[in-house]
PDB file of all heavy atoms in Angstrom:
ATOM      1  N   HIS A   1       3.274 -13.716   4.592  1.00  0.00           N
ATOM      2  CA  HIS A   1       2.016 -14.008   3.896  1.00  0.00           C
ATOM      3  C   HIS A   1       0.812 -13.932   4.835  1.00  0.00           C
ATOM      4  O   HIS A   1      -0.323 -13.974   4.388  1.00  0.00           O
ATOM      5  CB  HIS A   1       2.097 -15.384   3.234  1.00  0.00           C
ATOM      6  CG  HIS A   1       3.040 -15.407   2.066  1.00  0.00           C
ATOM      7  ND1 HIS A   1       3.499 -16.572   1.502  1.00  0.00           N
ATOM      8  CD2 HIS A   1       3.618 -14.399   1.369  1.00  0.00           C
ATOM      9  CE1 HIS A   1       4.327 -16.278   0.505  1.00  0.00           C
ATOM     10  NE2 HIS A   1       4.412 -14.962   0.415  1.00  0.00           N
ATOM     11  N   LYS A   2       1.080 -13.804   6.142  1.00  0.00           N
ATOM     12  CA  LYS A   2       0.006 -13.640   7.126  1.00  0.00           C
ATOM     13  C   LYS A   2      -0.035 -12.197   7.631  1.00  0.00           C
ATOM     14  O   LYS A   2      -0.570 -11.921   8.696  1.00  0.00           O
ATOM     15  CB  LYS A   2       0.229 -14.595   8.303  1.00  0.00           C
ATOM     16  CG  LYS A   2       0.210 -16.077   7.913  1.00  0.00           C
ATOM     17  CD  LYS A   2       0.548 -16.963   9.098  1.00  0.00           C
ATOM     18  CE  LYS A   2       0.578 -18.434   8.690  1.00  0.00           C
ATOM     19  NZ  LYS A   2       0.987 -19.318   9.812  1.00  0.00           N
ATOM     20  N   ASN A   3       0.535 -11.310   6.866  1.00  0.00           N
ATOM     21  CA  ASN A   3       0.640  -9.896   7.223  1.00  0.00           C
ATOM     22  C   ASN A   3      -0.688  -9.341   7.763  1.00  0.00           C
ATOM     23  O   ASN A   3      -1.684  -9.284   7.043  1.00  0.00           O
ATOM     24  CB  ASN A   3       1.054  -9.108   5.975  1.00  0.00           C
ATOM     25  CG  ASN A   3       1.335  -7.641   6.271  1.00  0.00           C
ATOM     26  OD1 ASN A   3       1.105  -7.158   7.365  1.00  0.00           O
ATOM     27  ND2 ASN A   3       1.845  -6.940   5.268  1.00  0.00           N
ATOM     28  N   PRO A   4      -0.720  -8.918   9.050  1.00  0.00           N
ATOM     29  CA  PRO A   4      -1.974  -8.434   9.636  1.00  0.00           C
ATOM     30  C   PRO A   4      -2.295  -6.980   9.289  1.00  0.00           C
ATOM     31  O   PRO A   4      -3.393  -6.511   9.552  1.00  0.00           O
ATOM     32  CB  PRO A   4      -1.707  -8.567  11.144  1.00  0.00           C
ATOM     33  CG  PRO A   4      -0.238  -8.320  11.256  1.00  0.00           C
ATOM     34  CD  PRO A   4       0.375  -8.942  10.020  1.00  0.00           C
ATOM     35  N   ASP A   5      -1.325  -6.261   8.707  1.00  0.00           N
ATOM     36  CA  ASP A   5      -1.518  -4.827   8.461  1.00  0.00           C
ATOM     37  C   ASP A   5      -0.793  -4.404   7.186  1.00  0.00           C
ATOM     38  O   ASP A   5       0.206  -3.663   7.228  1.00  0.00           O
ATOM     39  CB  ASP A   5      -0.995  -4.040   9.668  1.00  0.00           C
ATOM     40  CG  ASP A   5      -1.332  -2.563   9.605  1.00  0.00           C
ATOM     41  OD1 ASP A   5      -2.127  -2.172   8.730  1.00  0.00           O
ATOM     42  OD2 ASP A   5      -0.791  -1.804  10.433  1.00  0.00           O
ATOM     43  N   PRO A   6      -1.273  -4.856   6.014  1.00  0.00           N
ATOM     44  CA  PRO A   6      -0.583  -4.583   4.747  1.00  0.00           C
ATOM     45  C   PRO A   6      -0.349  -3.109   4.458  1.00  0.00           C
ATOM     46  O   PRO A   6       0.617  -2.755   3.779  1.00  0.00           O
ATOM     47  CB  PRO A   6      -1.527  -5.199   3.698  1.00  0.00           C
ATOM     48  CG  PRO A   6      -2.297  -6.233   4.449  1.00  0.00           C
ATOM     49  CD  PRO A   6      -2.482  -5.661   5.821  1.00  0.00           C
ATOM     50  N   GLU A   7      -1.206  -2.233   4.964  1.00  0.00           N
ATOM     51  CA  GLU A   7      -1.059  -0.808   4.683  1.00  0.00           C
ATOM     52  C   GLU A   7       0.186  -0.212   5.347  1.00  0.00           C
ATOM     53  O   GLU A   7       0.752   0.768   4.863  1.00  0.00           O
ATOM     54  CB  GLU A   7      -2.301  -0.045   5.141  1.00  0.00           C
ATOM     55  CG  GLU A   7      -3.536  -0.326   4.281  1.00  0.00           C
ATOM     56  CD  GLU A   7      -4.690   0.582   4.639  1.00  0.00           C
ATOM     57  OE1 GLU A   7      -4.474   1.518   5.439  1.00  0.00           O
ATOM     58  OE2 GLU A   7      -5.800   0.362   4.133  1.00  0.00           O
ATOM     59  N   ASN A   8       0.599  -0.816   6.458  1.00  0.00           N
ATOM     60  CA  ASN A   8       1.742  -0.272   7.200  1.00  0.00           C
ATOM     61  C   ASN A   8       2.948  -1.198   7.241  1.00  0.00           C
ATOM     62  O   ASN A   8       4.022  -0.786   7.690  1.00  0.00           O
ATOM     63  CB  ASN A   8       1.305   0.049   8.632  1.00  0.00           C
ATOM     64  CG  ASN A   8       0.268   1.158   8.672  1.00  0.00           C
ATOM     65  OD1 ASN A   8       0.506   2.257   8.193  1.00  0.00           O
ATOM     66  ND2 ASN A   8      -0.896   0.865   9.232  1.00  0.00           N
ATOM     67  N   ILE A   9       2.773  -2.441   6.794  1.00  0.00           N
ATOM     68  CA  ILE A   9       3.888  -3.392   6.759  1.00  0.00           C
ATOM     69  C   ILE A   9       4.095  -3.774   5.292  1.00  0.00           C
ATOM     70  O   ILE A   9       3.380  -4.625   4.759  1.00  0.00           O
ATOM     71  CB  ILE A   9       3.596  -4.642   7.602  1.00  0.00           C
ATOM     72  CG1 ILE A   9       3.233  -4.249   9.037  1.00  0.00           C
ATOM     73  CG2 ILE A   9       4.808  -5.579   7.606  1.00  0.00           C
ATOM     74  CD1 ILE A   9       2.777  -5.411   9.906  1.00  0.00           C
ATOM     75  N   PRO A  10       5.052  -3.144   4.607  1.00  0.00           N
ATOM     76  CA  PRO A  10       5.212  -3.326   3.149  1.00  0.00           C
ATOM     77  C   PRO A  10       5.917  -4.632   2.772  1.00  0.00           C
ATOM     78  O   PRO A  10       7.046  -4.622   2.262  1.00  0.00           O
ATOM     79  CB  PRO A  10       6.032  -2.098   2.762  1.00  0.00           C
ATOM     80  CG  PRO A  10       6.899  -1.855   3.963  1.00  0.00           C
ATOM     81  CD  PRO A  10       6.015  -2.169   5.148  1.00  0.00           C
ATOM     82  N   CYS A  11       5.246  -5.739   2.992  1.00  0.00           N
ATOM     83  CA  CYS A  11       5.847  -7.043   2.715  1.00  0.00           C
ATOM     84  C   CYS A  11       6.188  -7.239   1.235  1.00  0.00           C
ATOM     85  O   CYS A  11       7.033  -8.077   0.899  1.00  0.00           O
ATOM     86  CB  CYS A  11       4.907  -8.157   3.173  1.00  0.00           C
ATOM     87  SG  CYS A  11       4.711  -8.226   4.964  1.00  0.00           S
ATOM     88  N   PHE A  12       5.546  -6.478   0.380  1.00  0.00           N
ATOM     89  CA  PHE A  12       5.823  -6.613  -1.058  1.00  0.00           C
ATOM     90  C   PHE A  12       7.248  -6.188  -1.396  1.00  0.00           C
ATOM     91  O   PHE A  12       7.744  -6.482  -2.486  1.00  0.00           O
ATOM     92  CB  PHE A  12       4.808  -5.806  -1.876  1.00  0.00           C
ATOM     93  CG  PHE A  12       4.892  -4.312  -1.671  1.00  0.00           C
ATOM     94  CD1 PHE A  12       5.735  -3.538  -2.454  1.00  0.00           C
ATOM     95  CD2 PHE A  12       4.126  -3.682  -0.699  1.00  0.00           C
ATOM     96  CE1 PHE A  12       5.823  -2.163  -2.283  1.00  0.00           C
ATOM     97  CE2 PHE A  12       4.203  -2.309  -0.506  1.00  0.00           C
ATOM     98  CZ  PHE A  12       5.049  -1.542  -1.302  1.00  0.00           C
ATOM     99  N   ARG A  13       7.923  -5.505  -0.481  1.00  0.00           N
ATOM    100  CA  ARG A  13       9.304  -5.081  -0.717  1.00  0.00           C
ATOM    101  C   ARG A  13      10.326  -6.178  -0.398  1.00  0.00           C
ATOM    102  O   ARG A  13      11.529  -5.939  -0.462  1.00  0.00           O
ATOM    103  CB  ARG A  13       9.618  -3.837   0.123  1.00  0.00           C
ATOM    104  CG  ARG A  13       8.831  -2.598  -0.280  1.00  0.00           C
ATOM    105  CD  ARG A  13       9.131  -1.418   0.620  1.00  0.00           C
ATOM    106  NE  ARG A  13       8.260  -0.277   0.307  1.00  0.00           N
ATOM    107  CZ  ARG A  13       8.003   0.713   1.153  1.00  0.00           C
ATOM    108  NH1 ARG A  13       8.559   0.709   2.353  1.00  0.00           N
ATOM    109  NH2 ARG A  13       7.199   1.700   0.795  1.00  0.00           N
ATOM    110  N   VAL A  14       9.849  -7.371  -0.049  1.00  0.00           N
ATOM    111  CA  VAL A  14      10.753  -8.478   0.289  1.00  0.00           C
ATOM    112  C   VAL A  14      10.780  -9.486  -0.860  1.00  0.00           C
ATOM    113  O   VAL A  14       9.733  -9.908  -1.355  1.00  0.00           O
ATOM    114  CB  VAL A  14      10.311  -9.173   1.589  1.00  0.00           C
ATOM    115  CG1 VAL A  14      11.320 -10.260   1.973  1.00  0.00           C
ATOM    116  CG2 VAL A  14      10.189  -8.155   2.725  1.00  0.00           C
ATOM    117  N   VAL A  15      11.984  -9.852  -1.282  1.00  0.00           N
ATOM    118  CA  VAL A  15      12.178 -10.799  -2.386  1.00  0.00           C
ATOM    119  C   VAL A  15      13.169 -11.873  -1.939  1.00  0.00           C
ATOM    120  O   VAL A  15      13.780 -11.765  -0.872  1.00  0.00           O
ATOM    121  CB  VAL A  15      12.703 -10.084  -3.650  1.00  0.00           C
ATOM    122  CG1 VAL A  15      11.695  -9.049  -4.146  1.00  0.00           C
ATOM    123  CG2 VAL A  15      14.050  -9.405  -3.356  1.00  0.00           C
ATOM    124  N   ASN A  16      13.350 -12.894  -2.767  1.00  0.00           N
ATOM    125  CA  ASN A  16      14.311 -13.923  -2.367  1.00  0.00           C
ATOM    126  C   ASN A  16      15.742 -13.504  -2.707  1.00  0.00           C
ATOM    127  O   ASN A  16      15.982 -12.416  -3.235  1.00  0.00           O
ATOM    128  CB  ASN A  16      13.941 -15.291  -2.962  1.00  0.00           C
ATOM    129  CG  ASN A  16      14.174 -15.385  -4.459  1.00  0.00           C
ATOM    130  OD1 ASN A  16      14.849 -14.559  -5.074  1.00  0.00           O
ATOM    131  ND2 ASN A  16      13.595 -16.410  -5.064  1.00  0.00           N
ATOM    132  N   SER A  17      16.689 -14.385  -2.412  1.00  0.00           N
ATOM    133  CA  SER A  17      18.110 -14.032  -2.548  1.00  0.00           C
ATOM    134  C   SER A  17      18.537 -13.783  -3.993  1.00  0.00           C
ATOM    135  O   SER A  17      19.598 -13.222  -4.252  1.00  0.00           O
ATOM    136  CB  SER A  17      18.978 -15.135  -1.944  1.00  0.00           C
ATOM    137  OG  SER A  17      18.745 -16.372  -2.604  1.00  0.00           O
ATOM    138  N   LYS A  18      17.674 -14.187  -4.961  1.00  0.00           N
ATOM    139  CA  LYS A  18      17.963 -13.946  -6.374  1.00  0.00           C
ATOM    140  C   LYS A  18      17.220 -12.728  -6.908  1.00  0.00           C
ATOM    141  O   LYS A  18      17.306 -12.413  -8.092  1.00  0.00           O
ATOM    142  CB  LYS A  18      17.581 -15.177  -7.191  1.00  0.00           C
ATOM    143  CG  LYS A  18      18.370 -16.431  -6.837  1.00  0.00           C
ATOM    144  CD  LYS A  18      17.906 -17.614  -7.670  1.00  0.00           C
ATOM    145  CE  LYS A  18      18.661 -18.886  -7.299  1.00  0.00           C
ATOM    146  NZ  LYS A  18      18.198 -20.059  -8.094  1.00  0.00           N
ATOM    147  N   GLY A  19      16.449 -12.105  -6.034  1.00  0.00           N
ATOM    148  CA  GLY A  19      15.660 -10.948  -6.465  1.00  0.00           C
ATOM    149  C   GLY A  19      14.310 -11.333  -7.027  1.00  0.00           C
ATOM    150  O   GLY A  19      13.586 -10.479  -7.552  1.00  0.00           O
ATOM    151  N   GLU A  20      13.944 -12.613  -6.903  1.00  0.00           N
ATOM    152  CA  GLU A  20      12.678 -13.085  -7.465  1.00  0.00           C
ATOM    153  C   GLU A  20      11.507 -12.746  -6.548  1.00  0.00           C
ATOM    154  O   GLU A  20      11.627 -12.767  -5.319  1.00  0.00           O
ATOM    155  CB  GLU A  20      12.746 -14.598  -7.684  1.00  0.00           C
ATOM    156  CG  GLU A  20      13.786 -15.014  -8.711  1.00  0.00           C
ATOM    157  CD  GLU A  20      14.018 -16.519  -8.743  1.00  0.00           C
ATOM    158  OE1 GLU A  20      13.709 -17.198  -7.734  1.00  0.00           O
ATOM    159  OE2 GLU A  20      14.526 -17.009  -9.763  1.00  0.00           O
ATOM    160  N   LEU A  21      10.359 -12.459  -7.176  1.00  0.00           N
ATOM    161  CA  LEU A  21       9.159 -12.115  -6.430  1.00  0.00           C
ATOM    162  C   LEU A  21       8.482 -13.367  -5.889  1.00  0.00           C
ATOM    163  O   LEU A  21       8.840 -14.495  -6.235  1.00  0.00           O
ATOM    164  CB  LEU A  21       8.184 -11.350  -7.329  1.00  0.00           C
ATOM    165  CG  LEU A  21       8.723 -10.126  -8.073  1.00  0.00           C
ATOM    166  CD1 LEU A  21       7.558  -9.334  -8.666  1.00  0.00           C
ATOM    167  CD2 LEU A  21       9.567  -9.242  -7.165  1.00  0.00           C
ATOM    168  N   SER A  22       7.488 -13.153  -5.023  1.00  0.00           N
ATOM    169  CA  SER A  22       6.750 -14.270  -4.421  1.00  0.00           C
ATOM    170  C   SER A  22       5.765 -14.864  -5.413  1.00  0.00           C
ATOM    171  O   SER A  22       5.642 -14.408  -6.547  1.00  0.00           O
ATOM    172  CB  SER A  22       6.013 -13.787  -3.173  1.00  0.00           C
ATOM    173  OG  SER A  22       6.915 -13.315  -2.204  1.00  0.00           O
ATOM    174  N   GLY A  23       5.030 -15.873  -4.949  1.00  0.00           N
ATOM    175  CA  GLY A  23       4.037 -16.535  -5.784  1.00  0.00           C
ATOM    176  C   GLY A  23       2.982 -15.575  -6.297  1.00  0.00           C
ATOM    177  O   GLY A  23       2.774 -14.483  -5.747  1.00  0.00           O
ATOM    178  N   ALA A  24       2.303 -15.985  -7.326  1.00  0.00           N
ATOM    179  CA  ALA A  24       1.369 -15.117  -8.046  1.00  0.00           C
ATOM    180  C   ALA A  24       0.312 -14.461  -7.166  1.00  0.00           C
ATOM    181  O   ALA A  24      -0.068 -13.325  -7.395  1.00  0.00           O
ATOM    182  CB  ALA A  24       0.698 -15.910  -9.164  1.00  0.00           C
ATOM    183  N   PHE A  25      -0.173 -15.190  -6.161  1.00  0.00           N
ATOM    184  CA  PHE A  25      -1.299 -14.659  -5.393  1.00  0.00           C
ATOM    185  C   PHE A  25      -0.922 -14.309  -3.958  1.00  0.00           C
ATOM    186  O   PHE A  25      -1.771 -14.164  -3.098  1.00  0.00           O
ATOM    187  CB  PHE A  25      -2.456 -15.655  -5.408  1.00  0.00           C
ATOM    188  CG  PHE A  25      -3.011 -15.871  -6.786  1.00  0.00           C
ATOM    189  CD1 PHE A  25      -2.585 -16.943  -7.560  1.00  0.00           C
ATOM    190  CD2 PHE A  25      -3.914 -14.988  -7.334  1.00  0.00           C
ATOM    191  CE1 PHE A  25      -3.078 -17.139  -8.850  1.00  0.00           C
ATOM    192  CE2 PHE A  25      -4.410 -15.168  -8.616  1.00  0.00           C
ATOM    193  CZ  PHE A  25      -3.989 -16.245  -9.379  1.00  0.00           C
ATOM    194  N   ALA A  26       0.366 -14.155  -3.702  1.00  0.00           N
ATOM    195  CA  ALA A  26       0.815 -13.869  -2.343  1.00  0.00           C
ATOM    196  C   ALA A  26       0.323 -12.519  -1.831  1.00  0.00           C
ATOM    197  O   ALA A  26       0.154 -12.325  -0.645  1.00  0.00           O
ATOM    198  CB  ALA A  26       2.338 -13.928  -2.273  1.00  0.00           C
ATOM    199  N   PHE A  27       0.053 -11.580  -2.736  1.00  0.00           N
ATOM    200  CA  PHE A  27      -0.342 -10.239  -2.309  1.00  0.00           C
ATOM    201  C   PHE A  27      -1.725  -9.850  -2.837  1.00  0.00           C
ATOM    202  O   PHE A  27      -2.005  -8.674  -3.033  1.00  0.00           O
ATOM    203  CB  PHE A  27       0.718  -9.225  -2.741  1.00  0.00           C
ATOM    204  CG  PHE A  27       2.051  -9.457  -2.091  1.00  0.00           C
ATOM    205  CD1 PHE A  27       3.006 -10.255  -2.698  1.00  0.00           C
ATOM    206  CD2 PHE A  27       2.322  -8.936  -0.841  1.00  0.00           C
ATOM    207  CE1 PHE A  27       4.226 -10.495  -2.087  1.00  0.00           C
ATOM    208  CE2 PHE A  27       3.536  -9.171  -0.215  1.00  0.00           C
ATOM    209  CZ  PHE A  27       4.492  -9.958  -0.837  1.00  0.00           C
ATOM    210  N   GLY A  28      -2.548 -10.850  -3.079  1.00  0.00           N
ATOM    211  CA  GLY A  28      -3.930 -10.570  -3.438  1.00  0.00           C
ATOM    212  C   GLY A  28      -4.252 -10.649  -4.913  1.00  0.00           C
ATOM    213  O   GLY A  28      -5.347 -10.282  -5.313  1.00  0.00           O
ATOM    214  N   GLY A  29      -3.334 -11.136  -5.730  1.00  0.00           N
ATOM    215  CA  GLY A  29      -3.637 -11.271  -7.147  1.00  0.00           C
ATOM    216  C   GLY A  29      -2.380 -11.446  -7.978  1.00  0.00           C
ATOM    217  O   GLY A  29      -1.283 -11.090  -7.546  1.00  0.00           O
ATOM    218  N   ALA A  30      -2.552 -11.994  -9.152  1.00  0.00           N
ATOM    219  CA  ALA A  30      -1.433 -12.205 -10.066  1.00  0.00           C
ATOM    220  C   ALA A  30      -0.759 -10.868 -10.378  1.00  0.00           C
ATOM    221  O   ALA A  30      -1.433  -9.868 -10.651  1.00  0.00           O
ATOM    222  CB  ALA A  30      -1.922 -12.875 -11.345  1.00  0.00           C
ATOM    223  N   ASN A  31       0.561 -10.846 -10.280  1.00  0.00           N
ATOM    224  CA  ASN A  31       1.374  -9.667 -10.586  1.00  0.00           C
ATOM    225  C   ASN A  31       1.197  -8.503  -9.622  1.00  0.00           C
ATOM    226  O   ASN A  31       1.700  -7.412  -9.869  1.00  0.00           O
ATOM    227  CB  ASN A  31       1.088  -9.162 -12.013  1.00  0.00           C
ATOM    228  CG  ASN A  31       1.379 -10.215 -13.062  1.00  0.00           C
ATOM    229  OD1 ASN A  31       2.392 -10.917 -12.993  1.00  0.00           O
ATOM    230  ND2 ASN A  31       0.480 -10.342 -14.028  1.00  0.00           N
ATOM    231  N   ARG A  32       0.485  -8.736  -8.527  1.00  0.00           N
ATOM    232  CA  ARG A  32       0.232  -7.629  -7.594  1.00  0.00           C
ATOM    233  C   ARG A  32       1.521  -7.105  -6.972  1.00  0.00           C
ATOM    234  O   ARG A  32       1.703  -5.885  -6.844  1.00  0.00           O
ATOM    235  CB  ARG A  32      -0.740  -8.076  -6.496  1.00  0.00           C
ATOM    236  CG  ARG A  32      -1.116  -6.976  -5.507  1.00  0.00           C
ATOM    237  CD  ARG A  32      -1.732  -5.783  -6.202  1.00  0.00           C
ATOM    238  NE  ARG A  32      -2.127  -4.744  -5.266  1.00  0.00           N
ATOM    239  CZ  ARG A  32      -2.300  -3.470  -5.588  1.00  0.00           C
ATOM    240  NH1 ARG A  32      -2.111  -3.065  -6.837  1.00  0.00           N
ATOM    241  NH2 ARG A  32      -2.655  -2.588  -4.679  1.00  0.00           N
ATOM    242  N   GLN A  33       2.432  -8.009  -6.600  1.00  0.00           N
ATOM    243  CA  GLN A  33       3.687  -7.555  -6.005  1.00  0.00           C
ATOM    244  C   GLN A  33       4.480  -6.703  -6.999  1.00  0.00           C
ATOM    245  O   GLN A  33       5.029  -5.668  -6.643  1.00  0.00           O
ATOM    246  CB  GLN A  33       4.540  -8.740  -5.531  1.00  0.00           C
ATOM    247  CG  GLN A  33       5.809  -8.315  -4.799  1.00  0.00           C
ATOM    248  CD  GLN A  33       6.629  -9.479  -4.292  1.00  0.00           C
ATOM    249  OE1 GLN A  33       6.408 -10.628  -4.666  1.00  0.00           O
ATOM    250  NE2 GLN A  33       7.596  -9.200  -3.428  1.00  0.00           N
ATOM    251  N   ALA A  34       4.500  -7.147  -8.244  1.00  0.00           N
ATOM    252  CA  ALA A  34       5.210  -6.388  -9.284  1.00  0.00           C
ATOM    253  C   ALA A  34       4.589  -5.002  -9.459  1.00  0.00           C
ATOM    254  O   ALA A  34       5.304  -3.999  -9.626  1.00  0.00           O
ATOM    255  CB  ALA A  34       5.179  -7.150 -10.596  1.00  0.00           C
ATOM    256  N   GLU A  35       3.272  -4.934  -9.393  1.00  0.00           N
ATOM    257  CA  GLU A  35       2.583  -3.650  -9.544  1.00  0.00           C
ATOM    258  C   GLU A  35       2.940  -2.699  -8.404  1.00  0.00           C
ATOM    259  O   GLU A  35       3.192  -1.507  -8.627  1.00  0.00           O
ATOM    260  CB  GLU A  35       1.070  -3.869  -9.582  1.00  0.00           C
ATOM    261  CG  GLU A  35       0.571  -4.586 -10.832  1.00  0.00           C
ATOM    262  CD  GLU A  35      -0.902  -4.952 -10.734  1.00  0.00           C
ATOM    263  OE1 GLU A  35      -1.509  -4.661  -9.670  1.00  0.00           O
ATOM    264  OE2 GLU A  35      -1.434  -5.538 -11.694  1.00  0.00           O
ATOM    265  N   LEU A  36       2.964  -3.231  -7.186  1.00  0.00           N
ATOM    266  CA  LEU A  36       3.269  -2.406  -6.017  1.00  0.00           C
ATOM    267  C   LEU A  36       4.714  -1.893  -6.074  1.00  0.00           C
ATOM    268  O   LEU A  36       4.985  -0.736  -5.759  1.00  0.00           O
ATOM    269  CB  LEU A  36       3.036  -3.205  -4.732  1.00  0.00           C
ATOM    270  CG  LEU A  36       1.571  -3.531  -4.415  1.00  0.00           C
ATOM    271  CD1 LEU A  36       1.490  -4.567  -3.290  1.00  0.00           C
ATOM    272  CD2 LEU A  36       0.814  -2.274  -4.019  1.00  0.00           C
ATOM    273  N   LEU A  37       5.627  -2.768  -6.492  1.00  0.00           N
ATOM    274  CA  LEU A  37       7.029  -2.361  -6.598  1.00  0.00           C
ATOM    275  C   LEU A  37       7.215  -1.338  -7.720  1.00  0.00           C
ATOM    276  O   LEU A  37       7.916  -0.328  -7.561  1.00  0.00           O
ATOM    277  CB  LEU A  37       7.913  -3.586  -6.841  1.00  0.00           C
ATOM    278  CG  LEU A  37       8.112  -4.513  -5.636  1.00  0.00           C
ATOM    279  CD1 LEU A  37       8.822  -5.794  -6.055  1.00  0.00           C
ATOM    280  CD2 LEU A  37       8.892  -3.807  -4.526  1.00  0.00           C
ATOM    281  N   SER A  38       6.564  -1.590  -8.830  1.00  0.00           N
ATOM    282  CA  SER A  38       6.677  -0.671  -9.965  1.00  0.00           C
ATOM    283  C   SER A  38       6.161   0.722  -9.612  1.00  0.00           C
ATOM    284  O   SER A  38       6.712   1.731 -10.063  1.00  0.00           O
ATOM    285  CB  SER A  38       5.900  -1.222 -11.167  1.00  0.00           C
ATOM    286  OG  SER A  38       6.474  -2.436 -11.617  1.00  0.00           O
TER     287      SER A  38
END
């Protein structure tokens, strides 16, 4: 969540052990991680 270089470090590709995404605003907005993965 302190990713210094989001363009080159794809943290959105990391999920928990159940496959669940991070909190709503972890990547700059609600559903942003889902959008990036999709």
